[in-house]
Amino acid sequence: MESPREARLKPEYVGLYPGLTAQIWLPAKEVAEHIIAIVRHERGRLGQHGRLIAEDHFEFRGGDRGDQRRSRNERWEDRGT
């Protein structure tokens, strides 16, 4: 059984994510929900390149990315060949 996907905020980006603490592993789903709340509060500001979680702002572990079904909203550059 695969462990749940987790995300950890890098210290240099802590100022961009009020309410998140750097270097603490959290379920990626909780991080996404927290960022959604921030976006709603700031009336639509999205992360880098329109992504909810800017991948260069966080570290990730766990989960099985290979078996995830592709979303029709997935960016073209994220699609595998």
N, C-alpha and C. Protein backbone atom coordinates (compact mmCIF):
# COMPACT_ATOMS: atom_id res chain seq x y z
N MET A 1 0.84 -1.19 0.00
CA MET A 1 0.00 0.00 0.00
C MET A 1 0.88 1.25 0.00
N GLU A 2 0.58 2.15 -0.89
CA GLU A 2 1.37 3.37 -1.06
C GLU A 2 1.04 4.39 0.03
N SER A 3 2.06 5.11 0.51
CA SER A 3 1.83 6.16 1.49
C SER A 3 1.18 7.36 0.81
N PRO A 4 0.41 8.15 1.57
CA PRO A 4 -0.23 9.33 0.96
C PRO A 4 0.81 10.35 0.51
N ARG A 5 0.47 11.11 -0.50
CA ARG A 5 1.35 12.16 -1.01
C ARG A 5 1.48 13.24 0.05
N GLU A 6 2.71 13.70 0.30
CA GLU A 6 2.95 14.75 1.28
C GLU A 6 3.75 15.88 0.63
N ALA A 7 3.58 17.07 1.21
CA ALA A 7 4.29 18.25 0.71
C ALA A 7 4.92 18.97 1.90
N ARG A 8 6.08 19.59 1.61
CA ARG A 8 6.79 20.36 2.65
C ARG A 8 7.24 21.67 2.03
N LEU A 9 6.84 22.78 2.62
CA LEU A 9 7.18 24.11 2.14
C LEU A 9 8.66 24.41 2.38
N LYS A 10 9.33 24.90 1.34
CA LYS A 10 10.73 25.29 1.47
C LYS A 10 10.80 26.62 2.23
N PRO A 11 11.80 26.77 3.10
CA PRO A 11 11.88 27.96 3.97
C PRO A 11 11.89 29.29 3.22
N GLU A 12 12.49 29.34 2.05
CA GLU A 12 12.60 30.61 1.33
C GLU A 12 11.26 31.12 0.79
N TYR A 13 10.21 30.28 0.83
CA TYR A 13 8.90 30.68 0.31
C TYR A 13 7.84 30.82 1.40
N VAL A 14 8.23 30.75 2.65
CA VAL A 14 7.27 30.79 3.74
C VAL A 14 6.41 32.05 3.73
N GLY A 15 6.96 33.18 3.32
CA GLY A 15 6.22 34.43 3.28
C GLY A 15 5.09 34.46 2.26
N LEU A 16 5.12 33.55 1.30
CA LEU A 16 4.09 33.50 0.27
C LEU A 16 2.86 32.70 0.69
N TYR A 17 2.98 31.93 1.78
CA TYR A 17 1.92 31.03 2.18
C TYR A 17 1.57 31.22 3.65
N PRO A 18 0.80 32.27 3.97
CA PRO A 18 0.44 32.52 5.36
C PRO A 18 -0.27 31.31 5.97
N GLY A 19 0.15 30.95 7.17
CA GLY A 19 -0.47 29.82 7.85
C GLY A 19 0.24 28.50 7.65
N LEU A 20 1.18 28.42 6.72
CA LEU A 20 1.96 27.20 6.53
C LEU A 20 3.35 27.40 7.15
N THR A 21 3.84 26.35 7.77
CA THR A 21 5.15 26.38 8.39
C THR A 21 6.14 25.65 7.48
N ALA A 22 7.29 26.23 7.28
CA ALA A 22 8.31 25.60 6.44
C ALA A 22 8.86 24.36 7.12
N GLN A 23 9.30 23.42 6.29
CA GLN A 23 10.01 22.21 6.71
C GLN A 23 9.14 21.21 7.49
N ILE A 24 7.82 21.33 7.44
CA ILE A 24 6.91 20.39 8.09
C ILE A 24 6.18 19.59 7.02
N TRP A 25 6.28 18.27 7.07
CA TRP A 25 5.57 17.43 6.11
C TRP A 25 4.09 17.40 6.47
N LEU A 26 3.25 17.68 5.48
CA LEU A 26 1.80 17.65 5.63
C LEU A 26 1.20 16.89 4.45
N PRO A 27 0.00 16.31 4.64
CA PRO A 27 -0.65 15.70 3.48
C PRO A 27 -0.82 16.73 2.37
N ALA A 28 -0.45 16.38 1.15
CA ALA A 28 -0.54 17.31 0.03
C ALA A 28 -1.97 17.82 -0.16
N LYS A 29 -2.95 16.98 0.14
CA LYS A 29 -4.34 17.40 0.03
C LYS A 29 -4.64 18.56 0.98
N GLU A 30 -4.12 18.50 2.22
CA GLU A 30 -4.32 19.59 3.18
C GLU A 30 -3.62 20.86 2.71
N VAL A 31 -2.43 20.73 2.17
CA VAL A 31 -1.70 21.89 1.66
C VAL A 31 -2.50 22.54 0.53
N ALA A 32 -3.01 21.72 -0.39
CA ALA A 32 -3.81 22.25 -1.50
C ALA A 32 -5.06 22.96 -0.99
N GLU A 33 -5.74 22.37 -0.01
CA GLU A 33 -6.94 22.99 0.55
C GLU A 33 -6.60 24.32 1.22
N HIS A 34 -5.47 24.37 1.91
CA HIS A 34 -5.04 25.61 2.56
C HIS A 34 -4.75 26.69 1.51
N ILE A 35 -4.08 26.31 0.43
CA ILE A 35 -3.76 27.27 -0.63
C ILE A 35 -5.04 27.73 -1.32
N ILE A 36 -6.00 26.85 -1.50
CA ILE A 36 -7.30 27.26 -2.08
C ILE A 36 -7.93 28.34 -1.21
N ALA A 37 -7.88 28.15 0.10
CA ALA A 37 -8.44 29.16 1.02
C ALA A 37 -7.71 30.50 0.87
N ILE A 38 -6.38 30.46 0.71
CA ILE A 38 -5.61 31.69 0.50
C ILE A 38 -6.02 32.35 -0.81
N VAL A 39 -6.15 31.56 -1.87
CA VAL A 39 -6.52 32.09 -3.19
C VAL A 39 -7.90 32.75 -3.11
N ARG A 40 -8.83 32.09 -2.45
CA ARG A 40 -10.18 32.67 -2.31
C ARG A 40 -10.13 33.97 -1.53
N HIS A 41 -9.34 33.99 -0.47
CA HIS A 41 -9.22 35.20 0.34
C HIS A 41 -8.61 36.34 -0.46
N GLU A 42 -7.65 36.03 -1.30
CA GLU A 42 -6.97 37.05 -2.11
C GLU A 42 -7.64 37.24 -3.46
N ARG A 43 -8.82 36.67 -3.61
CA ARG A 43 -9.66 36.83 -4.81
C ARG A 43 -8.96 36.41 -6.10
N GLY A 44 -8.44 35.20 -6.10
CA GLY A 44 -8.00 34.62 -7.35
C GLY A 44 -6.52 34.57 -7.65
N ARG A 45 -5.67 35.05 -6.74
CA ARG A 45 -4.23 34.97 -7.02
C ARG A 45 -3.82 33.51 -7.02
N LEU A 46 -3.24 33.07 -8.12
CA LEU A 46 -2.78 31.69 -8.23
C LEU A 46 -1.27 31.62 -8.12
N GLY A 47 -0.79 30.42 -7.93
CA GLY A 47 0.65 30.20 -7.85
C GLY A 47 1.32 30.41 -9.19
N GLN A 48 2.58 30.13 -9.20
CA GLN A 48 3.41 30.30 -10.38
C GLN A 48 2.86 29.51 -11.56
N HIS A 49 2.74 30.13 -12.71
CA HIS A 49 2.27 29.51 -13.94
C HIS A 49 0.85 28.97 -13.81
N GLY A 50 0.03 29.58 -12.94
CA GLY A 50 -1.35 29.15 -12.80
C GLY A 50 -1.52 27.86 -12.03
N ARG A 51 -0.48 27.35 -11.42
CA ARG A 51 -0.56 26.11 -10.65
C ARG A 51 -0.98 26.43 -9.23
N LEU A 52 -1.77 25.56 -8.64
CA LEU A 52 -2.18 25.75 -7.25
C LEU A 52 -0.98 25.62 -6.32
N ILE A 53 -0.24 24.54 -6.47
CA ILE A 53 0.97 24.35 -5.66
C ILE A 53 2.17 24.48 -6.58
N ALA A 54 2.92 25.55 -6.42
CA ALA A 54 4.11 25.77 -7.24
C ALA A 54 5.15 24.72 -6.84
N GLU A 55 5.47 23.84 -7.75
CA GLU A 55 6.33 22.70 -7.41
C GLU A 55 7.73 23.09 -6.97
N ASP A 56 8.21 24.25 -7.36
CA ASP A 56 9.54 24.65 -6.90
C ASP A 56 9.50 25.28 -5.50
N HIS A 57 8.31 25.52 -4.95
CA HIS A 57 8.16 26.08 -3.61
C HIS A 57 8.05 24.97 -2.55
N PHE A 58 7.80 23.74 -2.99
CA PHE A 58 7.55 22.62 -2.08
C PHE A 58 8.41 21.42 -2.45
N GLU A 59 8.64 20.56 -1.47
CA GLU A 59 9.21 19.24 -1.70
C GLU A 59 8.06 18.25 -1.54
N PHE A 60 8.13 17.12 -2.24
CA PHE A 60 7.07 16.13 -2.19
C PHE A 60 7.64 14.76 -1.91
N ARG A 61 6.82 13.93 -1.27
CA ARG A 61 7.20 12.54 -1.06
C ARG A 61 5.92 11.70 -0.97
N GLY A 62 6.10 10.40 -1.17
CA GLY A 62 4.98 9.48 -1.06
C GLY A 62 4.06 9.53 -2.25
N GLY A 63 3.01 8.71 -2.16
CA GLY A 63 2.04 8.65 -3.25
C GLY A 63 2.62 7.96 -4.46
N ASP A 64 1.75 7.54 -5.33
CA ASP A 64 2.17 6.89 -6.56
C ASP A 64 1.70 7.73 -7.73
N ARG A 65 2.55 8.60 -8.21
CA ARG A 65 2.19 9.51 -9.29
C ARG A 65 1.98 8.77 -10.61
N GLY A 66 2.58 7.61 -10.77
CA GLY A 66 2.48 6.88 -12.02
C GLY A 66 1.09 6.34 -12.32
N ASP A 67 0.31 6.05 -11.30
CA ASP A 67 -1.01 5.48 -11.52
C ASP A 67 -2.12 6.52 -11.52
N GLN A 68 -1.81 7.76 -11.29
CA GLN A 68 -2.85 8.78 -11.26
C GLN A 68 -3.44 8.97 -12.64
N ARG A 69 -4.74 9.11 -12.68
CA ARG A 69 -5.39 9.40 -13.96
C ARG A 69 -5.14 10.84 -14.32
N ARG A 70 -4.95 11.08 -15.57
CA ARG A 70 -4.66 12.43 -16.03
C ARG A 70 -5.93 13.26 -16.02
N SER A 71 -5.79 14.46 -15.53
CA SER A 71 -6.90 15.41 -15.53
C SER A 71 -6.97 16.11 -16.87
N ARG A 72 -8.16 16.41 -17.31
CA ARG A 72 -8.28 17.15 -18.56
C ARG A 72 -7.77 18.58 -18.40
N ASN A 73 -7.58 19.00 -17.14
CA ASN A 73 -7.06 20.35 -16.87
C ASN A 73 -5.56 20.36 -16.66
N GLU A 74 -4.93 19.22 -16.85
CA GLU A 74 -3.48 19.13 -16.66
C GLU A 74 -2.76 19.95 -17.73
N ARG A 75 -1.70 20.63 -17.32
CA ARG A 75 -0.93 21.41 -18.27
C ARG A 75 -0.30 20.49 -19.31
N TRP A 76 -0.19 20.95 -20.54
CA TRP A 76 0.38 20.17 -21.63
C TRP A 76 1.80 19.71 -21.29
N GLU A 77 2.61 20.63 -20.72
CA GLU A 77 3.99 20.29 -20.45
C GLU A 77 4.14 19.25 -19.34
N ASP A 78 3.08 18.98 -18.56
CA ASP A 78 3.13 17.98 -17.52
C ASP A 78 2.76 16.59 -18.02
N ARG A 79 2.24 16.49 -19.22
CA ARG A 79 1.80 15.19 -19.74
C ARG A 79 3.02 14.36 -20.16
N GLY A 80 3.00 13.11 -19.82
CA GLY A 80 4.08 12.20 -20.20
C GLY A 80 3.95 11.80 -21.66
N THR A 81 5.01 11.30 -22.23
CA THR A 81 4.96 10.86 -23.62
C THR A 81 4.75 9.38 -23.71
